[in-house]
N, C-alpha and C. Protein backbone atom coordinates (compact mmCIF):
# COMPACT_ATOMS: atom_id res chain seq x y z
N MET A 1 36.09 -27.19 -11.66
CA MET A 1 35.24 -27.86 -10.98
C MET A 1 33.79 -27.03 -11.08
N ASN A 2 32.69 -27.47 -10.96
CA ASN A 2 31.26 -26.79 -11.42
C ASN A 2 30.90 -26.54 -9.84
N MET A 3 30.71 -25.39 -9.55
CA MET A 3 29.91 -25.11 -8.32
C MET A 3 28.41 -25.55 -8.20
N HIS A 4 27.93 -25.61 -7.22
CA HIS A 4 26.49 -26.30 -6.78
C HIS A 4 25.58 -25.27 -6.53
N ASN A 5 24.78 -24.66 -7.47
CA ASN A 5 23.89 -23.27 -7.41
C ASN A 5 24.63 -22.30 -6.67
N PRO A 6 25.36 -21.69 -7.41
CA PRO A 6 26.29 -20.69 -7.03
C PRO A 6 25.29 -19.25 -6.89
N PRO A 7 25.41 -18.42 -5.97
CA PRO A 7 24.28 -17.40 -5.62
C PRO A 7 24.62 -16.12 -6.55
N HIS A 8 23.63 -15.62 -6.73
CA HIS A 8 23.47 -14.43 -7.89
C HIS A 8 24.48 -13.41 -6.88
N PRO A 9 25.02 -12.76 -7.63
CA PRO A 9 25.84 -11.59 -7.37
C PRO A 9 24.82 -10.47 -6.30
N GLY A 10 23.94 -10.32 -6.76
CA GLY A 10 22.92 -9.52 -5.90
C GLY A 10 22.98 -9.89 -4.24
N GLU A 11 22.93 -11.37 -4.40
CA GLU A 11 22.97 -11.80 -2.64
C GLU A 11 23.93 -11.26 -1.90
N LEU A 12 25.15 -11.25 -2.77
CA LEU A 12 26.64 -11.20 -2.02
C LEU A 12 26.40 -9.30 -1.97
N ILE A 13 26.07 -8.72 -2.67
CA ILE A 13 25.87 -7.27 -2.83
C ILE A 13 24.93 -6.83 -1.55
N LYS A 14 23.99 -7.56 -1.29
CA LYS A 14 23.26 -7.34 -0.24
C LYS A 14 23.73 -7.55 1.21
N THR A 15 24.58 -8.73 1.15
CA THR A 15 25.17 -9.23 2.35
C THR A 15 26.31 -8.00 2.56
N PHE A 16 27.08 -7.75 1.85
CA PHE A 16 28.19 -6.72 2.40
C PHE A 16 27.95 -5.50 2.33
N LEU A 17 26.99 -4.87 1.69
CA LEU A 17 27.08 -3.41 1.66
C LEU A 17 25.61 -3.05 1.98
N ILE A 18 24.54 -4.15 2.17
CA ILE A 18 23.45 -3.48 2.73
C ILE A 18 22.77 -3.96 4.01
N GLU A 19 23.18 -5.19 4.33
CA GLU A 19 22.99 -5.85 5.59
C GLU A 19 24.29 -6.92 5.87
N ASP A 20 24.71 -7.07 7.29
CA ASP A 20 25.62 -8.18 7.40
C ASP A 20 25.34 -9.23 7.45
N GLU A 21 25.85 -10.60 7.75
CA GLU A 21 25.71 -11.85 7.74
C GLU A 21 24.39 -12.01 8.70
N ASP A 22 24.45 -11.40 9.63
CA ASP A 22 22.89 -11.33 10.66
C ASP A 22 21.63 -10.39 10.03
N GLY A 23 21.77 -10.17 9.15
CA GLY A 23 20.59 -9.14 8.73
C GLY A 23 20.66 -7.90 9.38
N ASN A 24 21.59 -7.52 10.08
CA ASN A 24 21.41 -5.98 10.40
C ASN A 24 21.89 -5.21 9.34
N LYS A 25 20.97 -3.96 9.03
CA LYS A 25 21.16 -3.20 8.28
C LYS A 25 22.64 -2.21 8.34
N ILE A 26 23.41 -2.27 7.31
CA ILE A 26 24.59 -1.43 6.99
C ILE A 26 24.38 -0.38 6.63
N ASP A 27 23.72 0.06 5.52
CA ASP A 27 23.63 0.91 4.99
C ASP A 27 22.20 1.06 4.13
N SER A 28 21.65 1.83 3.35
CA SER A 28 20.24 1.57 2.54
C SER A 28 20.43 1.38 1.24
N ILE A 29 19.71 0.87 0.40
CA ILE A 29 19.86 0.40 -0.99
C ILE A 29 20.34 1.85 -1.81
N ALA A 30 19.25 3.11 -1.23
CA ALA A 30 19.45 4.53 -1.74
C ALA A 30 20.81 5.05 -1.89
N ASN A 31 21.33 4.64 -0.86
CA ASN A 31 22.66 5.29 -0.13
C ASN A 31 23.58 4.82 -1.18
N VAL A 32 23.60 3.39 -1.20
CA VAL A 32 24.62 2.38 -1.63
C VAL A 32 24.21 2.72 -3.45
N ALA A 33 23.32 2.63 -4.05
CA ALA A 33 22.83 3.24 -5.43
C ALA A 33 23.62 4.57 -5.73
N LYS A 34 23.47 5.45 -4.97
CA LYS A 34 24.13 6.61 -5.00
C LYS A 34 25.57 6.74 -4.99
N LYS A 35 26.14 6.05 -4.18
CA LYS A 35 27.46 5.78 -4.24
C LYS A 35 27.80 5.26 -5.49
N LEU A 36 27.19 4.23 -6.01
CA LEU A 36 27.27 3.57 -7.18
C LEU A 36 27.24 4.75 -8.42
N GLY A 37 26.37 5.26 -8.35
CA GLY A 37 25.86 6.06 -9.44
C GLY A 37 24.92 5.69 -10.22
N VAL A 38 24.19 4.63 -9.80
CA VAL A 38 22.83 4.09 -10.40
C VAL A 38 21.63 4.28 -9.54
N SER A 39 20.63 4.10 -10.40
CA SER A 39 19.39 4.36 -9.79
C SER A 39 19.09 3.26 -8.76
N ARG A 40 18.27 3.64 -7.86
CA ARG A 40 17.73 2.67 -6.58
C ARG A 40 16.95 1.42 -7.35
N SER A 41 16.38 1.76 -8.18
CA SER A 41 15.49 0.63 -9.02
C SER A 41 16.60 -0.44 -9.77
N ALA A 42 17.73 0.26 -10.11
CA ALA A 42 18.56 -1.02 -11.10
C ALA A 42 19.16 -1.77 -9.96
N LEU A 43 19.81 -0.92 -8.82
CA LEU A 43 20.47 -1.61 -7.92
C LEU A 43 19.38 -2.66 -7.23
N ASN A 44 18.31 -2.20 -6.87
CA ASN A 44 17.31 -3.32 -6.28
C ASN A 44 17.03 -4.55 -7.20
N LYS A 45 17.18 -4.53 -8.43
CA LYS A 45 16.64 -5.64 -9.43
C LYS A 45 17.91 -6.22 -9.30
N VAL A 46 19.11 -5.83 -9.18
CA VAL A 46 20.28 -6.72 -9.17
C VAL A 46 20.29 -7.43 -7.97
N ILE A 47 19.74 -6.71 -6.67
CA ILE A 47 19.83 -7.13 -5.23
C ILE A 47 18.78 -8.67 -5.21
N ASN A 48 17.67 -8.28 -5.82
CA ASN A 48 16.52 -9.01 -6.06
C ASN A 48 16.84 -10.55 -6.92
N GLY A 49 17.49 -10.55 -7.69
CA GLY A 49 18.10 -11.04 -8.73
C GLY A 49 16.95 -11.13 -9.89
N SER A 50 16.33 -10.41 -10.08
CA SER A 50 15.86 -10.16 -11.13
C SER A 50 16.68 -9.37 -12.40
N ALA A 51 17.48 -8.99 -12.13
CA ALA A 51 18.57 -8.57 -13.22
C ALA A 51 19.91 -8.89 -13.23
N SER A 52 20.66 -9.22 -14.09
CA SER A 52 21.98 -9.94 -14.14
C SER A 52 22.59 -8.58 -13.61
N LEU A 53 24.02 -8.72 -13.07
CA LEU A 53 24.66 -7.88 -12.93
C LEU A 53 25.66 -7.41 -14.16
N SER A 54 25.47 -6.47 -14.83
CA SER A 54 26.44 -5.64 -15.89
C SER A 54 27.91 -5.63 -15.54
N LEU A 55 28.48 -5.55 -16.61
CA LEU A 55 29.94 -5.44 -16.27
C LEU A 55 30.16 -3.98 -16.28
N GLU A 56 29.55 -3.09 -16.37
CA GLU A 56 29.51 -1.73 -15.78
C GLU A 56 29.44 -1.78 -14.24
N MET A 57 28.30 -2.39 -13.63
CA MET A 57 28.04 -2.28 -12.67
C MET A 57 29.05 -2.87 -11.75
N ALA A 58 29.74 -3.93 -12.38
CA ALA A 58 31.14 -4.54 -11.58
C ALA A 58 31.94 -3.59 -11.43
N LEU A 59 32.17 -2.75 -12.55
CA LEU A 59 33.58 -1.64 -12.63
C LEU A 59 32.91 -0.67 -11.77
N ARG A 60 31.69 -0.40 -10.99
CA ARG A 60 31.07 0.62 -10.41
C ARG A 60 31.49 0.15 -8.87
N LEU A 61 31.24 -1.23 -8.85
CA LEU A 61 31.60 -1.82 -7.25
C LEU A 61 33.18 -2.02 -7.09
N GLU A 62 34.02 -1.95 -8.15
CA GLU A 62 35.44 -1.93 -8.07
C GLU A 62 35.89 -0.66 -7.68
N THR A 63 35.35 -0.05 -8.44
CA THR A 63 35.65 1.70 -7.91
C THR A 63 34.97 2.16 -6.44
N ILE A 64 34.05 1.33 -5.96
CA ILE A 64 34.20 2.04 -4.29
C ILE A 64 34.75 0.72 -3.43
N GLY A 65 35.56 0.19 -3.81
CA GLY A 65 36.47 -0.80 -3.35
C GLY A 65 35.86 -1.94 -2.89
N SER A 66 34.58 -2.90 -3.44
CA SER A 66 33.85 -3.68 -2.98
C SER A 66 34.37 -4.67 -4.16
N GLY A 67 35.43 -5.41 -4.13
CA GLY A 67 35.88 -6.42 -4.91
C GLY A 67 36.70 -5.73 -6.47
N SER A 68 37.00 -6.84 -6.63
CA SER A 68 37.47 -6.61 -8.49
C SER A 68 36.42 -6.83 -9.48
N ALA A 69 36.30 -5.86 -10.55
CA ALA A 69 35.04 -6.21 -11.36
C ALA A 69 35.23 -7.63 -11.90
N GLU A 70 36.68 -8.03 -12.32
CA GLU A 70 36.47 -9.58 -12.70
C GLU A 70 35.80 -10.65 -11.91
N MET A 71 36.26 -10.27 -10.31
CA MET A 71 35.30 -11.35 -9.43
C MET A 71 33.76 -11.20 -9.69
N TRP A 72 33.38 -9.88 -9.64
CA TRP A 72 31.92 -9.63 -9.95
C TRP A 72 31.29 -10.70 -11.18
N ALA A 73 32.19 -10.12 -12.18
CA ALA A 73 31.83 -10.75 -13.46
C ALA A 73 31.74 -12.20 -13.61
N LYS A 74 32.79 -13.06 -13.03
CA LYS A 74 33.03 -14.39 -12.78
C LYS A 74 31.77 -14.82 -12.33
N MET A 75 31.37 -14.29 -11.28
CA MET A 75 30.36 -14.38 -10.35
C MET A 75 28.86 -14.43 -10.89
N GLN A 76 28.89 -13.35 -11.94
CA GLN A 76 27.41 -13.59 -12.67
C GLN A 76 27.69 -14.59 -13.53
N SER A 77 28.83 -14.72 -14.25
CA SER A 77 28.92 -16.11 -15.49
C SER A 77 28.73 -17.10 -14.80
N ASP A 78 29.21 -17.59 -13.34
CA ASP A 78 29.27 -18.78 -12.96
C ASP A 78 27.46 -18.83 -12.52
N TYR A 79 26.59 -17.74 -12.23
CA TYR A 79 25.41 -18.19 -11.97
C TYR A 79 24.81 -18.22 -13.06
N THR A 80 24.97 -17.48 -14.07
CA THR A 80 24.00 -17.75 -15.35
C THR A 80 24.17 -18.72 -15.96
N LEU A 81 25.48 -19.85 -16.00
CA LEU A 81 25.63 -21.02 -16.55
C LEU A 81 25.13 -22.17 -15.84
N TRP A 82 25.22 -21.97 -14.55
CA TRP A 82 24.58 -22.91 -13.87
C TRP A 82 23.11 -22.74 -14.41
N GLN A 83 22.30 -21.52 -14.19
CA GLN A 83 21.10 -21.82 -14.33
C GLN A 83 20.85 -22.40 -15.98
N LEU A 84 21.58 -21.70 -16.80
CA LEU A 84 21.42 -22.39 -18.11
C LEU A 84 21.41 -23.74 -18.24
N ARG A 85 22.70 -24.39 -17.83
CA ARG A 85 22.89 -25.80 -17.78
C ARG A 85 21.77 -26.74 -16.90
N ASN A 86 21.07 -26.16 -15.78
CA ASN A 86 19.93 -26.64 -15.15
C ASN A 86 18.52 -26.03 -15.84
N GLN A 87 18.29 -25.59 -16.83
CA GLN A 87 17.25 -25.06 -17.34
C GLN A 87 17.12 -26.20 -18.53
N SER A 88 18.43 -26.54 -18.98
CA SER A 88 18.37 -27.29 -20.22
C SER A 88 18.59 -28.90 -19.92
N ALA A 89 18.57 -28.98 -18.62
CA ALA A 89 18.61 -30.49 -18.03
C ALA A 89 17.14 -30.72 -17.71
N ALA A 90 16.40 -29.77 -17.27
CA ALA A 90 15.07 -30.20 -17.16
C ALA A 90 14.01 -30.87 -17.91
């Protein structure tokens, strides 16, 4: 079953680690980046959808208890495939 316009994984990182569903701040990008062991800039690019979520980042998210690496990798794969299919259809 194909998902219609799946979200970029960065949207979910923002929703669950930076802000809650109502937009209330949970933590800062800088603090989450520190927990993940990545730069604020690298995390910000993923959150804003200007960079893909790497397998390494997926493992880092798993390490801090934010879902499995496989879940994050599948989410990125679903997003990328949907984008590619719709680019070639246009």
